[in-house]
N, C-alpha and C. Protein backbone atom coordinates (compact mmCIF):
# COMPACT_ATOMS: atom_id res chain seq x y z
N MET A 1 4.28 65.81 40.73
CA MET A 1 3.92 64.08 42.31
C MET A 1 4.48 64.20 43.19
N PRO A 2 4.23 64.68 44.71
CA PRO A 2 5.34 64.55 45.72
C PRO A 2 6.01 63.84 46.31
N THR A 3 7.61 63.91 46.84
CA THR A 3 8.06 62.49 46.84
C THR A 3 7.88 62.33 48.69
N VAL A 4 7.46 61.16 48.50
CA VAL A 4 7.53 60.40 49.71
C VAL A 4 8.55 60.14 51.04
N PHE A 5 9.52 59.43 49.55
CA PHE A 5 11.72 59.13 50.44
C PHE A 5 11.67 60.03 49.60
N SER A 6 13.10 60.81 50.41
CA SER A 6 13.82 61.28 49.62
C SER A 6 15.92 61.30 50.67
N THR A 7 16.63 61.47 49.48
CA THR A 7 17.83 61.10 50.88
C THR A 7 18.14 61.69 49.23
N ASN A 8 19.42 62.20 49.61
CA ASN A 8 20.84 62.79 49.23
C ASN A 8 20.71 60.93 47.66
N SER A 9 20.45 60.89 47.85
CA SER A 9 20.48 59.09 46.34
C SER A 9 19.27 58.67 46.41
N THR A 10 18.31 58.97 47.78
CA THR A 10 16.89 58.23 46.39
C THR A 10 16.01 58.61 46.07
N ARG A 11 15.29 58.77 45.60
CA ARG A 11 14.08 60.44 45.50
C ARG A 11 12.48 58.97 44.95
N ILE A 12 11.87 59.04 45.76
CA ILE A 12 10.19 57.84 45.09
C ILE A 12 9.68 58.94 44.62
N ALA A 13 8.79 58.74 43.75
CA ALA A 13 8.26 59.90 43.34
C ALA A 13 6.27 59.25 44.43
N ARG A 14 5.05 59.54 44.37
CA ARG A 14 4.13 59.50 44.64
C ARG A 14 2.77 59.78 44.31
N PRO A 15 1.72 58.96 43.94
CA PRO A 15 0.39 59.30 44.14
C PRO A 15 0.29 59.96 44.79
N ASP A 16 -1.26 61.32 44.78
CA ASP A 16 -1.52 61.51 46.23
C ASP A 16 -1.67 60.80 47.65
N GLN A 17 -3.06 60.72 47.02
CA GLN A 17 -3.29 59.37 48.10
C GLN A 17 -2.44 58.61 48.65
N ALA A 18 -0.85 58.39 48.70
CA ALA A 18 -0.14 57.66 49.27
C ALA A 18 0.90 58.15 49.83
N VAL A 19 0.64 57.46 51.13
CA VAL A 19 0.39 58.71 53.23
C VAL A 19 2.22 57.69 53.37
N THR A 20 1.98 56.13 53.11
CA THR A 20 2.85 55.06 53.61
C THR A 20 4.20 54.35 52.57
N LEU A 21 4.82 54.43 52.52
CA LEU A 21 5.59 53.59 52.13
C LEU A 21 6.65 52.78 52.62
N GLY A 22 6.65 50.86 52.18
CA GLY A 22 6.54 50.11 52.72
C GLY A 22 7.84 49.38 51.69
N ALA A 23 9.32 48.46 52.04
CA ALA A 23 9.71 47.92 51.11
C ALA A 23 10.51 46.12 52.18
N ARG A 24 10.04 45.30 51.82
CA ARG A 24 10.81 44.72 52.55
C ARG A 24 11.92 44.12 52.65
N THR A 25 12.40 43.32 53.26
CA THR A 25 13.95 43.04 53.63
C THR A 25 15.22 42.49 52.23
N GLU A 26 14.01 42.13 51.77
CA GLU A 26 14.98 42.18 50.16
C GLU A 26 14.98 42.80 49.40
N HIS A 27 14.40 43.92 49.62
CA HIS A 27 13.89 45.06 48.82
C HIS A 27 14.71 46.42 49.39
N VAL A 28 15.71 45.73 50.20
CA VAL A 28 16.71 47.07 50.99
C VAL A 28 17.57 46.96 50.41
N ALA A 29 18.69 47.47 49.68
CA ALA A 29 20.11 47.06 49.55
C ALA A 29 20.92 47.91 50.43
N LEU A 30 21.74 47.38 51.52
CA LEU A 30 22.24 48.19 51.71
C LEU A 30 23.43 48.01 51.50
N ARG A 31 24.69 49.40 51.71
CA ARG A 31 26.04 49.40 51.53
C ARG A 31 27.16 50.14 51.62
N SER A 32 28.48 50.42 52.96
CA SER A 32 28.97 51.02 54.06
C SER A 32 29.35 51.97 52.14
N ALA A 33 29.07 53.13 53.03
CA ALA A 33 29.48 54.01 52.57
C ALA A 33 30.10 54.97 51.94
N ASN A 34 31.18 54.08 52.02
CA ASN A 34 33.02 54.12 52.18
C ASN A 34 33.42 55.23 50.95
N GLY A 35 33.10 56.45 50.94
CA GLY A 35 33.69 57.24 49.53
C GLY A 35 32.51 57.50 48.92
N THR A 36 30.88 56.98 49.25
CA THR A 36 30.53 57.70 48.65
C THR A 36 29.37 58.07 49.56
N GLU A 37 28.27 58.82 48.84
CA GLU A 37 27.28 59.85 49.97
C GLU A 37 26.27 59.23 50.68
N PRO A 38 26.94 59.00 52.31
CA PRO A 38 26.08 58.43 53.28
C PRO A 38 24.80 59.06 53.49
N ASN A 39 23.41 57.76 53.55
CA ASN A 39 21.48 58.73 53.47
C ASN A 39 21.67 58.25 54.75
N GLY A 40 22.46 57.46 55.60
CA GLY A 40 21.87 56.63 56.86
C GLY A 40 23.05 56.42 57.07
N LYS A 41 22.67 56.30 58.97
CA LYS A 41 23.17 55.35 59.63
C LYS A 41 22.76 54.05 60.75
N VAL A 42 24.26 53.37 60.55
CA VAL A 42 23.04 52.51 62.07
C VAL A 42 23.16 52.34 63.11
N ARG A 43 22.04 52.68 63.76
CA ARG A 43 21.75 52.77 64.86
C ARG A 43 21.61 51.81 65.98
N ARG A 44 21.97 50.50 65.80
CA ARG A 44 21.28 49.63 66.48
C ARG A 44 21.50 48.56 66.18
N ILE A 45 21.64 47.39 65.90
CA ILE A 45 22.36 46.48 65.58
C ILE A 45 21.34 45.46 67.14
N GLU A 46 20.48 44.42 66.27
CA GLU A 46 19.68 43.41 67.53
C GLU A 46 19.91 42.51 66.79
N PRO A 47 21.14 41.01 67.71
CA PRO A 47 21.25 40.03 67.16
C PRO A 47 20.70 39.16 67.78
N LEU A 48 19.63 38.43 66.71
CA LEU A 48 18.74 36.94 67.05
C LEU A 48 19.46 36.00 66.78
N ARG A 49 19.10 34.55 66.95
CA ARG A 49 19.69 34.00 66.92
C ARG A 49 20.16 32.97 64.94
N ASP A 50 19.35 33.07 64.17
CA ASP A 50 19.95 33.12 63.01
C ASP A 50 19.88 34.24 62.20
N GLN A 51 19.35 35.57 62.68
CA GLN A 51 19.28 36.88 62.02
C GLN A 51 20.19 37.76 62.67
N SER A 52 20.61 39.26 62.11
CA SER A 52 19.85 39.79 62.84
C SER A 52 19.09 41.55 62.57
N PHE A 53 18.59 42.31 63.51
CA PHE A 53 18.03 43.19 63.01
C PHE A 53 18.82 44.17 62.56
N LEU A 54 19.27 45.69 62.14
CA LEU A 54 19.77 46.14 61.78
C LEU A 54 18.14 47.54 61.69
N HIS A 55 18.82 48.53 62.65
CA HIS A 55 17.96 49.95 64.00
C HIS A 55 18.48 51.01 62.30
N ILE A 56 18.03 51.79 61.19
CA ILE A 56 19.19 52.88 60.14
C ILE A 56 17.92 53.82 60.62
N ASP A 57 19.41 54.91 60.64
CA ASP A 57 18.29 56.01 60.95
C ASP A 57 18.24 56.88 59.29
N LEU A 58 17.45 57.03 58.70
CA LEU A 58 17.57 57.85 57.94
C LEU A 58 17.39 59.46 58.11
N GLY A 59 17.66 60.19 58.49
CA GLY A 59 17.59 61.41 58.03
C GLY A 59 16.62 61.47 59.92
N GLU A 60 15.05 62.38 59.41
CA GLU A 60 14.23 61.41 60.55
C GLU A 60 13.25 60.61 59.97
N THR A 61 13.63 59.64 59.38
CA THR A 61 13.08 58.44 59.61
C THR A 61 13.56 57.21 59.57
N GLN A 62 13.57 56.46 60.51
CA GLN A 62 13.99 55.27 60.68
C GLN A 62 13.75 54.30 60.24
N ILE A 63 14.60 52.87 59.64
CA ILE A 63 13.94 51.59 59.42
C ILE A 63 14.43 51.08 59.88
N VAL A 64 13.82 49.58 59.66
CA VAL A 64 14.23 48.09 60.00
C VAL A 64 14.55 47.36 59.52
N THR A 65 15.33 46.76 59.20
CA THR A 65 15.79 45.67 58.54
C THR A 65 16.57 44.49 58.55
N LEU A 66 16.68 43.18 58.34
CA LEU A 66 16.37 41.76 58.37
C LEU A 66 18.27 41.84 57.99
N ALA A 67 19.17 41.00 58.72
CA ALA A 67 20.85 41.07 58.27
C ALA A 67 21.06 40.14 58.29
N ASP A 68 22.20 39.67 57.86
CA ASP A 68 23.37 38.24 58.53
C ASP A 68 23.19 38.23 60.29
N PRO A 69 23.82 36.58 60.63
CA PRO A 69 23.56 37.29 61.56
C PRO A 69 24.91 37.93 62.73
N ASP A 70 25.79 37.80 61.46
CA ASP A 70 27.21 38.65 62.05
C ASP A 70 27.16 40.50 60.52
N PRO A 71 26.40 40.51 60.84
CA PRO A 71 26.48 41.66 59.65
C PRO A 71 27.50 42.39 59.46
N ALA A 72 28.02 42.63 57.97
CA ALA A 72 28.92 43.68 57.93
C ALA A 72 29.43 45.02 58.92
N PHE A 73 27.81 45.13 59.02
CA PHE A 73 28.48 46.53 59.98
C PHE A 73 28.11 46.81 61.28
N VAL A 74 28.73 47.90 61.12
CA VAL A 74 29.10 48.23 63.37
C VAL A 74 28.20 49.24 63.24
N GLN A 75 27.67 49.40 64.77
CA GLN A 75 27.57 50.93 65.16
C GLN A 75 27.09 51.76 64.55
N GLY A 76 26.28 52.85 64.53
CA GLY A 76 27.35 54.24 63.92
C GLY A 76 27.40 54.43 62.67
N GLU A 77 28.51 53.29 62.15
CA GLU A 77 28.48 53.63 60.40
C GLU A 77 28.46 53.96 59.68
N LEU A 78 28.12 55.05 58.59
CA LEU A 78 27.08 55.30 57.60
C LEU A 78 27.63 54.66 56.41
N VAL A 79 25.90 54.47 55.83
CA VAL A 79 26.04 53.18 55.44
C VAL A 79 24.80 54.12 53.96
N SER A 80 24.97 53.52 52.68
CA SER A 80 23.74 53.72 51.56
C SER A 80 22.84 52.86 51.51
N VAL A 81 21.68 53.19 51.87
CA VAL A 81 20.50 52.74 51.80
C VAL A 81 19.66 52.78 50.11
N ARG A 82 19.78 51.93 49.81
CA ARG A 82 19.06 52.20 48.69
C ARG A 82 17.69 51.16 48.56
N LEU A 83 16.25 51.53 47.89
CA LEU A 83 14.85 50.83 48.63
C LEU A 83 14.58 50.48 46.36
N ILE A 84 14.63 49.25 46.37
CA ILE A 84 14.61 48.15 45.56
C ILE A 84 12.71 47.96 45.48
N ASP A 85 12.27 49.00 44.36
CA ASP A 85 10.64 48.19 44.20
C ASP A 85 9.65 48.17 45.63
N PRO A 86 9.52 49.83 45.78
CA PRO A 86 9.14 49.55 47.68
C PRO A 86 7.91 49.92 47.31
N LEU A 87 7.34 49.54 48.05
CA LEU A 87 5.42 49.83 48.25
C LEU A 87 4.94 50.69 48.66
N LEU A 88 3.69 51.18 48.00
CA LEU A 88 2.74 52.64 48.68
C LEU A 88 1.50 52.54 49.03
N PHE A 89 1.99 52.49 50.11
CA PHE A 89 -0.26 52.36 50.70
C PHE A 89 -1.14 53.71 50.82
N ASP A 90 -1.82 53.17 51.36
CA ASP A 90 -2.37 54.74 51.29
C ASP A 90 -3.07 54.43 52.62
N ALA A 91 -4.15 55.92 52.58
CA ALA A 91 -4.35 55.81 55.04
C ALA A 91 -5.33 54.47 54.96
N GLU A 92 -5.58 54.50 54.96
CA GLU A 92 -6.76 52.88 55.35
C GLU A 92 -6.03 52.06 54.61
N GLY A 93 -4.64 51.54 54.36
CA GLY A 93 -3.65 50.29 54.39
C GLY A 93 -3.99 49.29 53.17
N ALA A 94 -4.96 50.20 51.75
CA ALA A 94 -4.66 50.14 50.36
C ALA A 94 -2.56 49.81 49.47
N ARG A 95 -2.98 49.25 49.02
CA ARG A 95 -2.14 49.39 48.01
C ARG A 95 -2.53 50.28 46.82
N VAL A 96 -1.35 51.20 46.57
CA VAL A 96 -1.74 52.48 45.91
C VAL A 96 -0.61 51.74 44.78
N ARG A 97 -1.20 51.94 43.63
CA ARG A 97 0.03 51.15 42.53
C ARG A 97 0.85 53.28 42.22
N ALA A 98 1.95 52.79 41.80
CA ALA A 98 2.39 53.94 41.49
C ALA A 98 2.52 54.63 39.74
């Protein structure tokens, strides 16, 4: 199976018909890359009232996820990103089971 998402610490195999990977905020595990191999960088923090959007670069891929209103990360920080049970979709947007 080809890989749809690959970083130093994450590889997700996918069926051939899957073209899009999705993950809900609760399925994105972030931690500071202190002493570990980082796979992402916090590009921007967008504060809202009760939460913040974190914009993270993962190589050539960018993700946006929600965090606490005062996130534990700062702009430019290297982070480790892990996806927990991501969702896969085909070209028409239908869910594909791995």
